[in-house]
Amino acid sequence: MSNPVTFVNVIDVEPSQQPELIDLLKEGTERVISQRPGLISVTLFASADKRRVLNVARWESAADVEATQADPAAAGYTRRVAAIATARPGLYTVVGEYAPQ
């Protein structure tokens, strides 16, 4: 069995375009990403200063992420995001998780 991974994309955007970016990410998630094999969850965060959006997606494996990135429909959304913002994506594994006792 594969190890779950977390795809974190820190996306820098002009404050005036943050709402457009959020709408685009929601649309891509609903239409494409949510249908992809291996997806566990997606959480979107908007910074209070309106300069960033975080896209945090949990996947069953890195291979699922790679297959999604190769999907032409997903790549179309990536191009649309790149037209209005600068993305810094990366894959992460959980190395610690804490909660109050």
Protein backbone atom coordinates (compact mmCIF):
# COMPACT_ATOMS: atom_id res chain seq x y z
CA MET A 1 0.00 0.00 0.00
CA SER A 2 1.22 3.54 -0.79
CA ASN A 3 1.84 6.24 1.75
CA PRO A 4 -0.60 9.15 1.67
CA VAL A 5 0.90 12.48 0.61
CA THR A 6 -0.18 16.08 0.92
CA PHE A 7 0.03 18.41 -2.06
CA VAL A 8 0.50 21.98 -0.84
CA ASN A 9 0.36 24.81 -3.35
CA VAL A 10 1.15 28.30 -2.08
CA ILE A 11 -0.25 30.66 -4.69
CA ASP A 12 0.73 34.34 -4.71
CA VAL A 13 -1.79 36.69 -6.29
CA GLU A 14 -2.57 40.40 -6.51
CA PRO A 15 -5.13 41.21 -3.81
CA SER A 16 -7.68 42.36 -6.38
CA GLN A 17 -7.51 38.95 -8.10
CA GLN A 18 -7.78 36.73 -5.02
CA PRO A 19 -11.57 36.22 -5.44
CA GLU A 20 -11.08 35.22 -9.10
CA LEU A 21 -8.33 32.78 -8.12
CA ILE A 22 -10.51 31.24 -5.40
CA ASP A 23 -13.39 30.82 -7.85
CA LEU A 24 -11.05 29.18 -10.36
CA LEU A 25 -9.65 26.77 -7.76
CA LYS A 26 -13.14 25.86 -6.57
CA GLU A 27 -14.29 25.23 -10.14
CA GLY A 28 -11.27 23.08 -10.97
CA THR A 29 -11.67 21.10 -7.76
CA GLU A 30 -15.38 20.49 -8.28
CA ARG A 31 -15.17 19.66 -12.00
CA VAL A 32 -11.86 17.80 -12.26
CA ILE A 33 -9.89 17.14 -9.08
CA SER A 34 -12.78 15.70 -7.07
CA GLN A 35 -13.26 13.06 -9.79
CA ARG A 36 -9.64 11.87 -9.79
CA PRO A 37 -8.66 8.50 -8.28
CA GLY A 38 -6.79 8.68 -5.00
CA LEU A 39 -8.09 12.03 -3.81
CA ILE A 40 -8.79 12.12 -0.08
CA SER A 41 -9.64 15.80 0.42
CA VAL A 42 -9.00 19.36 -0.70
CA THR A 43 -8.92 22.41 1.57
CA LEU A 44 -8.51 25.96 0.27
CA PHE A 45 -7.25 28.80 2.47
CA ALA A 46 -7.34 32.53 1.65
CA SER A 47 -4.85 34.81 3.38
CA ALA A 48 -6.29 37.75 5.31
CA ASP A 49 -4.09 40.17 3.34
CA LYS A 50 -5.57 38.76 0.09
CA ARG A 51 -2.08 38.09 -1.34
CA ARG A 52 -2.09 34.28 -1.14
CA VAL A 53 -4.25 31.24 -1.44
CA LEU A 54 -3.20 27.83 -0.12
CA ASN A 55 -4.45 24.72 -1.86
CA VAL A 56 -3.94 21.69 0.39
CA ALA A 57 -4.92 18.33 -1.09
CA ARG A 58 -4.49 14.93 0.56
CA TRP A 59 -3.88 12.02 -1.82
CA GLU A 60 -3.49 8.27 -1.43
CA SER A 61 -0.10 8.38 -3.20
CA ALA A 62 2.37 10.53 -5.07
CA ALA A 63 1.48 8.54 -8.20
CA ASP A 64 -2.12 9.79 -7.91
CA VAL A 65 -0.85 13.38 -7.81
CA GLU A 66 1.40 12.81 -10.82
CA ALA A 67 -1.43 11.21 -12.81
CA THR A 68 -3.68 14.15 -12.00
CA GLN A 69 -1.04 16.67 -13.05
CA ALA A 70 -0.75 14.81 -16.38
CA ASP A 71 -4.51 14.94 -16.96
CA PRO A 72 -5.26 17.49 -19.73
CA ALA A 73 -8.31 18.85 -17.89
CA ALA A 74 -6.28 19.47 -14.72
CA ALA A 75 -3.45 20.99 -16.77
CA GLY A 76 -5.96 23.43 -18.26
CA TYR A 77 -6.77 24.75 -14.80
CA THR A 78 -3.07 24.96 -13.98
CA ARG A 79 -2.56 27.18 -17.03
CA ARG A 80 -5.50 29.37 -16.05
CA VAL A 81 -4.10 29.81 -12.54
CA ALA A 82 -0.66 30.67 -13.97
CA ALA A 83 -2.24 33.43 -16.05
CA ILE A 84 -3.27 35.37 -12.92
CA ALA A 85 -1.01 34.11 -10.12
CA THR A 86 2.32 32.51 -9.23
CA ALA A 87 2.12 28.98 -7.81
CA ARG A 88 4.70 27.19 -5.67
CA PRO A 89 3.52 23.56 -5.43
CA GLY A 90 5.13 20.74 -3.46
CA LEU A 91 4.47 17.26 -2.10
CA TYR A 92 4.74 16.61 1.62
CA THR A 93 4.41 13.69 4.01
CA VAL A 94 3.19 14.03 7.57
CA VAL A 95 6.06 13.80 10.05
CA GLY A 96 4.15 14.93 13.12
CA GLU A 97 0.60 15.75 14.07
CA TYR A 98 -0.44 17.10 17.45
CA ALA A 99 -3.68 17.81 19.28
CA PRO A 100 -4.41 18.90 22.83
CA GLN A 101 -4.62 16.05 25.30
